[in-house]
Structures are given as C-alpha cells and as structure tokens.
C-alpha atoms as a PDB file:
ATOM      1  CA  MET A   1       0.063  -0.059   0.047  1.00  0.00           C
ATOM      2  CA  ARG A   2       3.245   2.392   0.489  1.00  0.00           C
ATOM      3  CA  TRP A   3       3.721   1.967  -3.012  1.00  0.00           C
ATOM      4  CA  THR A   4       0.495   2.863  -3.965  1.00  0.00           C
ATOM      5  CA  LEU A   5       1.092   6.118  -1.608  1.00  0.00           C
ATOM      6  CA  VAL A   6       4.091   7.239  -3.293  1.00  0.00           C
ATOM      7  CA  PHE A   7       2.988   6.843  -6.851  1.00  0.00           C
ATOM      8  CA  LEU A   8       0.316   8.942  -5.898  1.00  0.00           C
ATOM      9  CA  VAL A   9       1.963  11.737  -4.445  1.00  0.00           C
ATOM     10  CA  VAL A  10       4.689  11.426  -7.444  1.00  0.00           C
ATOM     11  CA  ALA A  11       1.891  11.805  -9.713  1.00  0.00           C
ATOM     12  CA  LEU A  12       0.235  14.852  -7.790  1.00  0.00           C
ATOM     13  CA  ILE A  13       4.030  17.001  -7.596  1.00  0.00           C
ATOM     14  CA  ALA A  14       4.401  16.021 -11.575  1.00  0.00           C
ATOM     15  CA  ALA A  15       1.097  17.314 -12.073  1.00  0.00           C
ATOM     16  CA  VAL A  16       1.568  20.335 -10.279  1.00  0.00           C
ATOM     17  CA  LEU A  17       4.898  21.118 -11.625  1.00  0.00           C
ATOM     18  CA  GLY A  18       3.526  20.371 -15.487  1.00  0.00           C
ATOM     19  CA  PHE A  19       5.151  16.924 -16.184  1.00  0.00           C
ATOM     20  CA  GLY A  20       1.916  15.461 -17.930  1.00  0.00           C
ATOM     21  CA  GLY A  21       3.535  12.378 -18.905  1.00  0.00           C
ATOM     22  CA  ILE A  22       5.110  11.246 -15.683  1.00  0.00           C
ATOM     23  CA  ALA A  23       2.092  12.074 -13.632  1.00  0.00           C
ATOM     24  CA  GLY A  24      -0.346   9.922 -15.345  1.00  0.00           C
ATOM     25  CA  ALA A  25       2.270   7.209 -15.519  1.00  0.00           C
ATOM     26  CA  SER A  26       2.407   7.485 -12.267  1.00  0.00           C
ATOM     27  CA  VAL A  27      -1.401   7.766 -11.589  1.00  0.00           C
ATOM     28  CA  GLY A  28      -1.499   4.567 -13.906  1.00  0.00           C
ATOM     29  CA  ILE A  29       0.965   2.757 -11.873  1.00  0.00           C
ATOM     30  CA  ALA A  30      -0.616   3.415  -8.177  1.00  0.00           C
ATOM     31  CA  LYS A  31      -4.407   2.432  -9.428  1.00  0.00           C
ATOM     32  CA  ILE A  32      -2.306  -1.072 -10.681  1.00  0.00           C
ATOM     33  CA  LEU A  33      -0.937  -1.420  -7.592  1.00  0.00           C
ATOM     34  CA  PHE A  34      -3.891  -0.440  -5.686  1.00  0.00           C
ATOM     35  CA  PHE A  35      -5.935  -3.167  -7.734  1.00  0.00           C
ATOM     36  CA  VAL A  36      -3.488  -5.711  -6.509  1.00  0.00           C
ATOM     37  CA  PHE A  37      -3.123  -5.085  -2.998  1.00  0.00           C
ATOM     38  CA  LEU A  38      -7.078  -4.933  -3.188  1.00  0.00           C
ATOM     39  CA  ALA A  39      -6.783  -8.525  -4.347  1.00  0.00           C
ATOM     40  CA  VAL A  40      -4.432  -9.539  -2.464  1.00  0.00           C
ATOM     41  CA  ALA A  41      -6.307  -8.720   1.030  1.00  0.00           C
ATOM     42  CA  VAL A  42      -9.628 -10.513  -0.445  1.00  0.00           C
ATOM     43  CA  ILE A  43      -7.877 -13.416  -1.339  1.00  0.00           C
ATOM     44  CA  SER A  44      -5.953 -13.178   2.006  1.00  0.00           C
ATOM     45  CA  GLY A  45      -9.364 -12.986   3.502  1.00  0.00           C
ATOM     46  CA  VAL A  46     -11.154 -15.704   2.340  1.00  0.00           C
ATOM     47  CA  LEU A  47      -8.311 -18.003   2.894  1.00  0.00           C
ATOM     48  CA  THR A  48      -8.184 -17.051   6.621  1.00  0.00           C
ATOM     49  CA  LEU A  49     -11.984 -17.620   6.682  1.00  0.00           C
ATOM     50  CA  LEU A  50     -11.806 -21.179   4.823  1.00  0.00           C
ATOM     51  CA  SER A  51      -8.999 -22.132   7.131  1.00  0.00           C
ATOM     52  CA  LYS A  52     -10.831 -21.739  10.599  1.00  0.00           C
END
C-alpha cells in the first residue's frame, strides 16, 4: 500500500510542475498497485475464513 501512495504523491507533484506524461504514468501505476493490494487482501481474507 505504501508504493501506491508514493506513486500517487509523485503524480500529484508532477502534475503541479507540469509534467503530464510522468503524472499520467504514475497514476496508472498507482491504480494497478492499489488493485493488486485489494486482490491480495480479499484473497487473504477468504483463505483466513476458510482455514477456521
């Protein structure tokens, strides 16, 4: 989750400074990392429930 926030902050700073390409790429990476984190959290929760 930390990397998602890092890329989001990089995207915001790049957008403020006018670097549109870098900002867009950083937002895309942040979205991908967020959904990967979400999927891992859901899978972990399901496996925890099934193991009890």
